[in-house]
Amino acid sequence: MFKQRKNKRFNYQPRFSKENKIDFKSEKEFVSRWRATKDAKRKVKGAMPLRILILALVLLLILMYVLEKRYM
């Protein structure tokens, strides 16, 4: 009468399975790998161009004010 939904199937692999287990020789090696991946994922914020644009806008307004006073 009605179509029955089939059960979903997932290809789940446990996070700490025995197959994917990585042995680190020492704690220093683990720390160095962790820092390398942490530095690689760091994003750079775009704050510098915003500061430059605001500074350019202020300088432009000052220049417009000076030119208006001089030639009017």
Protein backbone atom coordinates (compact mmCIF):
# COMPACT_ATOMS: atom_id res chain seq x y z
CA MET A 1 0.00 0.00 0.00
CA PHE A 2 2.60 2.61 1.06
CA LYS A 3 6.26 2.57 0.18
CA GLN A 4 8.32 1.60 3.17
CA ARG A 5 11.54 3.54 3.74
CA LYS A 6 14.71 1.52 3.72
CA ASN A 7 17.17 1.83 6.55
CA LYS A 8 20.08 4.16 5.89
CA ARG A 9 23.53 2.64 5.62
CA PHE A 10 26.61 4.54 6.68
CA ASN A 11 30.27 3.82 6.04
CA TYR A 12 31.32 4.70 9.54
CA GLN A 13 34.92 4.22 10.62
CA PRO A 14 35.69 4.71 14.30
CA ARG A 15 38.07 7.49 15.16
CA PHE A 16 40.33 5.31 17.26
CA SER A 17 40.21 2.09 15.32
CA LYS A 18 43.12 -0.31 15.43
CA GLU A 19 43.68 0.02 11.68
CA ASN A 20 44.24 3.79 11.73
CA LYS A 21 46.35 3.84 14.86
CA ILE A 22 49.44 6.07 14.56
CA ASP A 23 52.34 5.41 16.88
CA PHE A 24 54.45 8.41 17.76
CA LYS A 25 58.01 7.65 18.74
CA SER A 26 58.16 10.37 21.30
CA GLU A 27 56.13 13.20 22.70
CA LYS A 28 58.38 15.76 20.99
CA GLU A 29 57.53 14.36 17.58
CA PHE A 30 53.81 14.59 18.40
CA VAL A 31 54.16 18.20 19.54
CA SER A 32 56.13 19.19 16.44
CA ARG A 33 53.53 17.63 14.14
CA TRP A 34 50.71 19.29 16.07
CA ARG A 35 52.35 22.71 15.82
CA ALA A 36 53.03 22.26 12.10
CA THR A 37 49.39 21.49 11.36
CA LYS A 38 48.21 24.27 13.67
CA ASP A 39 50.35 26.85 11.85
CA ALA A 40 49.26 25.59 8.43
CA LYS A 41 45.57 26.09 9.25
CA ARG A 42 45.95 29.62 10.63
CA LYS A 43 43.92 32.16 8.71
CA VAL A 44 45.00 35.74 8.09
CA LYS A 45 42.44 38.37 8.93
CA GLY A 46 41.80 41.25 6.55
CA ALA A 47 42.23 44.02 9.13
CA MET A 48 45.14 45.74 7.40
CA PRO A 49 43.34 46.71 4.18
CA LEU A 50 40.44 48.11 6.22
CA ARG A 51 42.82 50.38 8.14
CA ILE A 52 44.42 51.55 4.91
CA LEU A 53 41.01 52.34 3.40
CA ILE A 54 39.94 54.34 6.44
CA LEU A 55 43.23 56.26 6.41
CA ALA A 56 42.86 56.99 2.69
CA LEU A 57 39.30 58.21 3.25
CA VAL A 58 40.39 60.57 6.01
CA LEU A 59 43.24 61.94 3.88
CA LEU A 60 40.86 62.40 0.96
CA LEU A 61 38.42 64.34 3.11
CA ILE A 62 41.21 66.57 4.42
CA LEU A 63 42.45 67.19 0.87
CA MET A 64 38.94 68.06 -0.31
CA TYR A 65 38.52 70.51 2.59
CA VAL A 66 41.87 72.21 1.87
CA LEU A 67 41.18 72.52 -1.86
CA GLU A 68 37.70 73.89 -1.23
CA LYS A 69 39.00 76.59 1.12
CA ARG A 70 41.83 77.54 -1.21
CA TYR A 71 39.80 77.94 -4.42
CA MET A 72 36.51 79.28 -3.04
